[in-house]
Amino acid sequence: MAPSSPRPLGEVIKEVIDGLDVQAEIDEARVVETWASVAGTRINAVTKTAWMKGSTLYVKITSAAWRQQLHMNRRQWRERLNGALDDELVDEIVFR
C-alpha cells in the first residue's frame, strides 16, 4: 500500500468534525464566545449566562433596564453577531 500524500490540516479537521457529527455544538460554542466579544465589558457585566437552542441565542440579563434596551435592539445585535461570525448562525436573540 502506497503512503498517502500530505493533506491540509483544515481538510483533515473538517473530516473529523463531520465524522463525529459535532458541527452544531462547535457552532453553538462559537456563537456564545463571539457574543461575549461583541457585547463588550458593560453588557458582559450584566450577563449571567448565554446559550443556544437551535438557531436562537438566549442571554440571561441581570438588569431589567439593560434587558429592555437590548431587547429593543435585538435585530441590530443579531446582525452584529452574525457579521462577527461571518456566518448566519443566529436567527433570533432572546434576552431574559
C-alpha atoms as a PDB file:
ATOM      1  CA  MET A   1       0.000   0.000   0.000  1.00  0.00           C
ATOM      2  CA  ALA A   2       1.458   3.349  -1.037  1.00  0.00           C
ATOM      3  CA  PRO A   3       1.655   6.087   1.610  1.00  0.00           C
ATOM      4  CA  SER A   4      -0.977   8.781   1.244  1.00  0.00           C
ATOM      5  CA  SER A   5       0.156  12.226   0.255  1.00  0.00           C
ATOM      6  CA  PRO A   6       0.064  15.032   2.836  1.00  0.00           C
ATOM      7  CA  ARG A   7      -3.239  16.876   3.120  1.00  0.00           C
ATOM      8  CA  PRO A   8      -4.011  20.312   4.539  1.00  0.00           C
ATOM      9  CA  LEU A   9      -4.754  20.208   8.276  1.00  0.00           C
ATOM     10  CA  GLY A  10      -8.016  22.140   7.821  1.00  0.00           C
ATOM     11  CA  GLU A  11      -9.290  19.444   5.462  1.00  0.00           C
ATOM     12  CA  VAL A  12      -8.436  16.681   7.941  1.00  0.00           C
ATOM     13  CA  ILE A  13     -10.078  18.556  10.847  1.00  0.00           C
ATOM     14  CA  LYS A  14     -13.243  19.120   8.793  1.00  0.00           C
ATOM     15  CA  GLU A  15     -13.417  15.394   8.047  1.00  0.00           C
ATOM     16  CA  VAL A  16     -13.072  14.573  11.748  1.00  0.00           C
ATOM     17  CA  ILE A  17     -15.765  17.110  12.724  1.00  0.00           C
ATOM     18  CA  ASP A  18     -18.100  15.763  10.048  1.00  0.00           C
ATOM     19  CA  GLY A  19     -17.374  12.174  11.098  1.00  0.00           C
ATOM     20  CA  LEU A  20     -18.106  12.916  14.756  1.00  0.00           C
ATOM     21  CA  ASP A  21     -21.201  14.967  13.840  1.00  0.00           C
ATOM     22  CA  VAL A  22     -20.287  17.769  16.257  1.00  0.00           C
ATOM     23  CA  GLN A  23     -20.532  20.798  13.958  1.00  0.00           C
ATOM     24  CA  ALA A  24     -23.715  22.065  15.684  1.00  0.00           C
ATOM     25  CA  GLU A  25     -22.022  22.003  19.096  1.00  0.00           C
ATOM     26  CA  ILE A  26     -18.966  23.779  17.708  1.00  0.00           C
ATOM     27  CA  ASP A  27     -21.184  26.450  16.102  1.00  0.00           C
ATOM     28  CA  GLU A  28     -23.073  26.951  19.385  1.00  0.00           C
ATOM     29  CA  ALA A  29     -19.818  27.441  21.287  1.00  0.00           C
ATOM     30  CA  ARG A  30     -18.607  29.907  18.639  1.00  0.00           C
ATOM     31  CA  VAL A  31     -21.831  31.928  18.946  1.00  0.00           C
ATOM     32  CA  VAL A  32     -21.671  32.157  22.751  1.00  0.00           C
ATOM     33  CA  GLU A  33     -17.979  33.068  22.709  1.00  0.00           C
ATOM     34  CA  THR A  34     -18.478  35.640  19.960  1.00  0.00           C
ATOM     35  CA  TRP A  35     -21.486  37.123  21.794  1.00  0.00           C
ATOM     36  CA  ALA A  36     -19.238  37.853  24.790  1.00  0.00           C
ATOM     37  CA  SER A  37     -16.762  39.584  22.483  1.00  0.00           C
ATOM     38  CA  VAL A  38     -19.401  41.573  20.562  1.00  0.00           C
ATOM     39  CA  ALA A  39     -21.351  42.545  23.704  1.00  0.00           C
ATOM     40  CA  GLY A  40     -18.365  44.141  25.393  1.00  0.00           C
ATOM     41  CA  THR A  41     -17.496  44.837  29.009  1.00  0.00           C
ATOM     42  CA  ARG A  42     -20.626  46.778  30.053  1.00  0.00           C
ATOM     43  CA  ILE A  43     -23.108  44.191  28.786  1.00  0.00           C
ATOM     44  CA  ASN A  44     -20.991  41.260  29.971  1.00  0.00           C
ATOM     45  CA  ALA A  45     -21.127  42.816  33.453  1.00  0.00           C
ATOM     46  CA  VAL A  46     -24.931  42.331  33.489  1.00  0.00           C
ATOM     47  CA  THR A  47     -24.954  38.996  31.630  1.00  0.00           C
ATOM     48  CA  LYS A  48     -25.477  35.953  33.830  1.00  0.00           C
ATOM     49  CA  THR A  49     -25.299  33.314  31.079  1.00  0.00           C
ATOM     50  CA  ALA A  50     -25.800  32.760  27.354  1.00  0.00           C
ATOM     51  CA  TRP A  51     -26.743  29.599  25.474  1.00  0.00           C
ATOM     52  CA  MET A  52     -28.018  28.419  22.132  1.00  0.00           C
ATOM     53  CA  LYS A  53     -31.092  26.346  21.354  1.00  0.00           C
ATOM     54  CA  GLY A  54     -31.396  25.684  17.661  1.00  0.00           C
ATOM     55  CA  SER A  55     -30.654  28.951  15.884  1.00  0.00           C
ATOM     56  CA  THR A  56     -31.784  31.128  18.829  1.00  0.00           C
ATOM     57  CA  LEU A  57     -29.323  32.708  21.244  1.00  0.00           C
ATOM     58  CA  TYR A  58     -30.676  33.158  24.773  1.00  0.00           C
ATOM     59  CA  VAL A  59     -28.956  35.707  27.010  1.00  0.00           C
ATOM     60  CA  LYS A  60     -29.844  35.938  30.712  1.00  0.00           C
ATOM     61  CA  ILE A  61     -29.511  39.589  31.783  1.00  0.00           C
ATOM     62  CA  THR A  62     -29.490  40.560  35.471  1.00  0.00           C
ATOM     63  CA  SER A  63     -30.707  44.147  34.911  1.00  0.00           C
ATOM     64  CA  ALA A  64     -34.277  44.857  33.765  1.00  0.00           C
ATOM     65  CA  ALA A  65     -33.238  48.190  32.242  1.00  0.00           C
ATOM     66  CA  TRP A  66     -30.437  46.575  30.201  1.00  0.00           C
ATOM     67  CA  ARG A  67     -32.717  43.689  29.217  1.00  0.00           C
ATOM     68  CA  GLN A  68     -35.295  46.125  27.824  1.00  0.00           C
ATOM     69  CA  GLN A  69     -32.652  48.149  25.962  1.00  0.00           C
ATOM     70  CA  LEU A  70     -31.071  45.034  24.442  1.00  0.00           C
ATOM     71  CA  HIS A  71     -34.470  43.592  23.515  1.00  0.00           C
ATOM     72  CA  MET A  72     -35.441  46.741  21.615  1.00  0.00           C
ATOM     73  CA  ASN A  73     -32.217  46.479  19.575  1.00  0.00           C
ATOM     74  CA  ARG A  74     -32.098  42.690  19.190  1.00  0.00           C
ATOM     75  CA  ARG A  75     -32.184  42.816  15.366  1.00  0.00           C
ATOM     76  CA  GLN A  76     -29.071  45.020  15.289  1.00  0.00           C
ATOM     77  CA  TRP A  77     -27.357  42.755  17.832  1.00  0.00           C
ATOM     78  CA  ARG A  78     -28.170  39.720  15.688  1.00  0.00           C
ATOM     79  CA  GLU A  79     -26.718  41.421  12.611  1.00  0.00           C
ATOM     80  CA  ARG A  80     -23.550  42.418  14.507  1.00  0.00           C
ATOM     81  CA  LEU A  81     -23.151  38.922  15.918  1.00  0.00           C
ATOM     82  CA  ASN A  82     -23.636  37.153  12.578  1.00  0.00           C
ATOM     83  CA  GLY A  83     -21.286  39.677  10.972  1.00  0.00           C
ATOM     84  CA  ALA A  84     -18.595  38.920  13.554  1.00  0.00           C
ATOM     85  CA  LEU A  85     -19.136  35.189  12.968  1.00  0.00           C
ATOM     86  CA  ASP A  86     -19.030  35.723   9.199  1.00  0.00           C
ATOM     87  CA  ASP A  87     -21.952  33.296   9.089  1.00  0.00           C
ATOM     88  CA  GLU A  88     -25.729  33.354   9.593  1.00  0.00           C
ATOM     89  CA  LEU A  89     -25.816  31.091  12.657  1.00  0.00           C
ATOM     90  CA  VAL A  90     -28.271  33.153  14.758  1.00  0.00           C
ATOM     91  CA  ASP A  91     -31.846  33.757  13.598  1.00  0.00           C
ATOM     92  CA  GLU A  92     -33.059  35.316  16.852  1.00  0.00           C
ATOM     93  CA  ILE A  93     -31.747  36.632  20.158  1.00  0.00           C
ATOM     94  CA  VAL A  94     -33.924  36.392  23.273  1.00  0.00           C
ATOM     95  CA  PHE A  95     -32.961  38.452  26.309  1.00  0.00           C
ATOM     96  CA  ARG A  96     -34.311  37.077  29.572  1.00  0.00           C
END
